[in-house]
Amino acid sequence: MTMKNVIVKTQALKKYYQIGNQTVKALDGVDFEVAEREFVSIIGKSGSGKSTLLHMIGGLDTPSNGTVIVDGVNLETLNSDQLALFRRRKVGFIFQQYNLMPNMTVFENVEVGARLSHHPLDVEKVLQEVMLDDLFSQFPYQLSGGQQQRVAIARAIAKNPSILFCDEPTGALDEETGKTVLEVLQR
């Protein structure tokens, strides 16, 4: 039997928000593990805490309580500069909102992701994989929602991160394009 190398682990993870007099429990004691090279989908109703969990394990937000360990590092032990460096070196994100730079072309938006890495992938090849090789010089406002989503995906992939967190990465894509993009993400 082979031992799995756990790359992401949460223990008793909680995230509470105070809204007026009410406490909203976005996460309430989540224990979660992901092994290295494992492809995991988190499925649940809108508002059930999926994005909050991704933000916690991606180091974008801090838990109210509990532990987050990513690639052997307890994120709670990192100061803000160390956490930023950790995210830059180890983690890639694909957000629900594409967060593209409006004054940059498709190529430049993806190149920004590649420049964050010590071992980036070739930007042109990544854009070809997500079927955007004919849109290098277009700006985000000239693209459909699905095309913008593929630019965001290409930007995250070009960084060549150890861990890739995707928040509804195929939400704006048709079924066939979504399948192709999921295959690219898996590779």
Protein backbone atom coordinates (compact mmCIF):
# COMPACT_ATOMS: atom_id res chain seq x y z
CA MET A 1 0.00 0.00 0.00
CA THR A 2 1.35 3.42 -0.98
CA MET A 3 1.32 6.30 1.48
CA LYS A 4 -0.30 9.40 0.05
CA ASN A 5 1.50 12.70 0.35
CA VAL A 6 -1.03 15.16 1.75
CA ILE A 7 -0.61 18.57 0.10
CA VAL A 8 -3.61 20.35 1.67
CA LYS A 9 -5.07 19.68 5.10
CA THR A 10 -7.55 21.51 7.27
CA GLN A 11 -8.44 20.66 10.85
CA ALA A 12 -11.55 22.00 12.59
CA LEU A 13 -11.55 24.92 10.15
CA LYS A 14 -14.05 27.65 10.99
CA LYS A 15 -14.89 30.96 9.37
CA TYR A 16 -17.52 33.13 11.02
CA TYR A 17 -18.76 36.52 9.90
CA GLN A 18 -20.59 38.98 12.10
CA ILE A 19 -23.45 40.72 10.28
CA GLY A 20 -25.18 43.04 12.70
CA ASN A 21 -26.28 40.91 15.66
CA GLN A 22 -26.12 37.69 13.66
CA THR A 23 -23.14 35.32 13.32
CA VAL A 24 -22.92 33.64 9.94
CA LYS A 25 -21.03 30.35 10.00
CA ALA A 26 -19.50 30.08 6.50
CA LEU A 27 -17.34 27.14 7.62
CA ASP A 28 -18.01 25.30 10.86
CA GLY A 29 -15.38 22.68 11.70
CA VAL A 30 -14.19 21.47 8.29
CA ASP A 31 -11.67 18.61 8.19
CA PHE A 32 -10.34 18.18 4.67
CA GLU A 33 -7.37 16.53 2.96
CA VAL A 34 -6.09 16.53 -0.58
CA ALA A 35 -3.24 14.29 -1.69
CA GLU A 36 -0.52 15.41 -4.06
CA ARG A 37 -1.57 15.16 -7.74
CA GLU A 38 -5.19 14.62 -6.70
CA PHE A 39 -7.91 16.42 -8.68
CA VAL A 40 -10.72 17.34 -6.29
CA SER A 41 -14.10 18.97 -6.88
CA ILE A 42 -16.04 20.58 -4.05
CA ILE A 43 -19.73 20.57 -4.78
CA GLY A 44 -22.50 22.25 -2.84
CA LYS A 45 -25.30 24.77 -2.87
CA SER A 46 -24.67 28.45 -3.45
CA GLY A 47 -23.64 30.00 -0.15
CA SER A 48 -22.50 26.72 1.38
CA GLY A 49 -18.88 27.89 1.89
CA LYS A 50 -17.07 26.50 -1.17
CA SER A 51 -15.40 29.80 -2.09
CA THR A 52 -14.66 30.53 1.55
CA LEU A 53 -12.90 27.17 1.87
CA LEU A 54 -10.82 27.90 -1.25
CA HIS A 55 -9.88 31.32 0.13
CA MET A 56 -8.82 29.74 3.44
CA ILE A 57 -6.67 26.98 1.92
CA GLY A 58 -5.28 29.38 -0.67
CA GLY A 59 -4.10 31.79 2.00
CA LEU A 60 -6.32 34.64 0.82
CA ASP A 61 -8.31 34.82 4.04
CA THR A 62 -7.68 33.80 7.62
CA PRO A 63 -9.82 31.35 9.57
CA SER A 64 -11.77 32.28 12.67
CA ASN A 65 -10.41 29.06 14.14
CA GLY A 66 -8.73 25.85 13.05
CA THR A 67 -5.66 24.93 11.06
CA VAL A 68 -4.72 25.14 7.39
CA ILE A 69 -1.60 23.30 6.25
CA VAL A 70 -0.54 23.59 2.62
CA ASP A 71 2.51 21.78 1.29
CA GLY A 72 3.68 21.18 4.86
CA VAL A 73 3.34 24.82 5.92
CA ASN A 74 0.91 25.92 8.61
CA LEU A 75 -0.42 29.14 7.05
CA GLU A 76 -1.13 30.60 10.49
CA THR A 77 2.63 30.78 11.17
CA LEU A 78 3.31 33.07 8.19
CA ASN A 79 3.31 36.86 8.40
CA SER A 80 1.71 38.82 5.54
CA ASP A 81 4.96 39.09 3.52
CA GLN A 82 5.72 35.38 3.92
CA LEU A 83 2.15 34.52 2.99
CA ALA A 84 2.34 36.67 -0.16
CA LEU A 85 5.60 34.98 -1.14
CA PHE A 86 4.10 31.56 -0.44
CA ARG A 87 1.11 32.31 -2.69
CA ARG A 88 3.38 33.69 -5.39
CA ARG A 89 5.65 30.64 -5.43
CA LYS A 90 3.23 27.80 -4.75
CA VAL A 91 -0.35 28.68 -5.59
CA GLY A 92 -2.42 29.56 -8.63
CA PHE A 93 -5.97 30.89 -8.50
CA ILE A 94 -8.86 30.95 -10.92
CA PHE A 95 -11.55 33.16 -9.43
CA GLN A 96 -15.28 33.37 -10.18
CA GLN A 97 -14.62 36.98 -11.14
CA TYR A 98 -11.92 36.89 -13.79
CA ASN A 99 -9.85 39.78 -12.37
CA LEU A 100 -8.30 40.60 -15.74
CA MET A 101 -6.33 43.78 -16.22
CA PRO A 102 -8.57 45.85 -18.54
CA ASN A 103 -5.72 47.85 -20.09
CA MET A 104 -3.71 44.72 -21.00
CA THR A 105 -4.15 42.40 -23.96
CA VAL A 106 -4.97 38.72 -23.64
CA PHE A 107 -1.29 37.87 -24.07
CA GLU A 108 -0.18 40.46 -21.50
CA ASN A 109 -2.77 39.29 -18.94
CA VAL A 110 -1.44 35.74 -19.20
CA GLU A 111 2.17 36.92 -19.24
CA VAL A 112 1.58 38.61 -15.85
CA GLY A 113 0.84 35.19 -14.36
CA ALA A 114 3.91 33.66 -15.99
CA ARG A 115 6.16 36.41 -14.63
CA LEU A 116 5.17 35.49 -11.07
CA SER A 117 6.84 32.13 -11.41
CA HIS A 118 10.38 30.78 -11.38
CA HIS A 119 9.25 27.97 -13.72
CA PRO A 120 6.54 29.43 -15.98
CA LEU A 121 5.00 27.67 -18.94
CA ASP A 122 5.18 29.14 -22.42
CA VAL A 123 2.40 31.75 -22.69
CA GLU A 124 1.70 31.10 -26.38
CA LYS A 125 1.37 27.35 -25.81
CA VAL A 126 -0.96 27.84 -22.85
CA LEU A 127 -3.16 30.20 -24.87
CA GLN A 128 -3.29 27.60 -27.64
CA GLU A 129 -4.36 24.93 -25.14
CA VAL A 130 -7.32 27.02 -24.00
CA MET A 131 -8.22 27.90 -27.60
CA LEU A 132 -7.29 31.60 -27.49
CA ASP A 133 -4.33 31.63 -29.85
CA ASP A 134 -6.20 33.90 -32.29
CA LEU A 135 -6.98 36.55 -29.65
CA PHE A 136 -3.50 37.52 -28.35
CA SER A 137 -3.92 41.25 -29.04
CA GLN A 138 -7.55 41.62 -27.88
CA PHE A 139 -8.48 43.47 -24.70
CA PRO A 140 -10.85 41.99 -22.08
CA TYR A 141 -13.74 44.27 -23.07
CA GLN A 142 -13.55 42.81 -26.59
CA LEU A 143 -14.07 39.25 -25.31
CA SER A 144 -17.11 37.20 -24.36
CA GLY A 145 -17.49 36.01 -20.76
CA GLY A 146 -16.28 32.54 -21.73
CA GLN A 147 -13.23 33.94 -23.48
CA GLN A 148 -12.41 36.10 -20.44
CA GLN A 149 -12.72 33.05 -18.24
CA ARG A 150 -10.27 31.15 -20.46
CA VAL A 151 -7.80 34.07 -20.21
CA ALA A 152 -8.02 33.84 -16.41
CA ILE A 153 -7.47 30.09 -16.61
CA ALA A 154 -4.49 30.53 -18.95
CA ARG A 155 -2.99 33.13 -16.57
CA ALA A 156 -3.18 30.68 -13.65
CA ILE A 157 -1.81 27.77 -15.69
CA ALA A 158 1.07 29.81 -17.18
CA LYS A 159 2.35 30.43 -13.67
CA ASN A 160 2.85 26.64 -13.43
CA PRO A 161 1.91 26.52 -9.73
CA SER A 162 2.35 23.53 -7.44
CA ILE A 163 -1.29 23.88 -6.40
CA LEU A 164 -4.13 25.32 -8.46
CA PHE A 165 -7.33 26.51 -6.79
CA CYS A 166 -10.25 26.98 -9.15
CA ASP A 167 -13.53 28.60 -8.15
CA GLU A 168 -16.11 27.52 -10.75
CA PRO A 169 -13.53 27.47 -13.58
CA THR A 170 -16.00 26.38 -16.25
CA GLY A 171 -19.06 28.38 -15.11
CA ALA A 172 -19.14 30.65 -18.19
CA LEU A 173 -18.15 27.97 -20.69
CA ASP A 174 -20.26 25.81 -22.96
CA GLU A 175 -20.13 22.07 -22.29
CA GLU A 176 -17.59 21.17 -25.00
CA THR A 177 -15.20 24.03 -24.14
CA GLY A 178 -15.62 23.21 -20.45
CA LYS A 179 -14.53 19.61 -21.05
CA THR A 180 -11.46 20.79 -22.98
CA VAL A 181 -10.51 23.26 -20.24
CA LEU A 182 -10.93 20.62 -17.51
CA GLU A 183 -8.58 18.35 -19.44
CA VAL A 184 -6.03 21.17 -19.64
CA LEU A 185 -6.38 21.80 -15.90
CA GLN A 186 -5.90 18.12 -15.15
CA ARG A 187 -2.70 18.00 -17.21
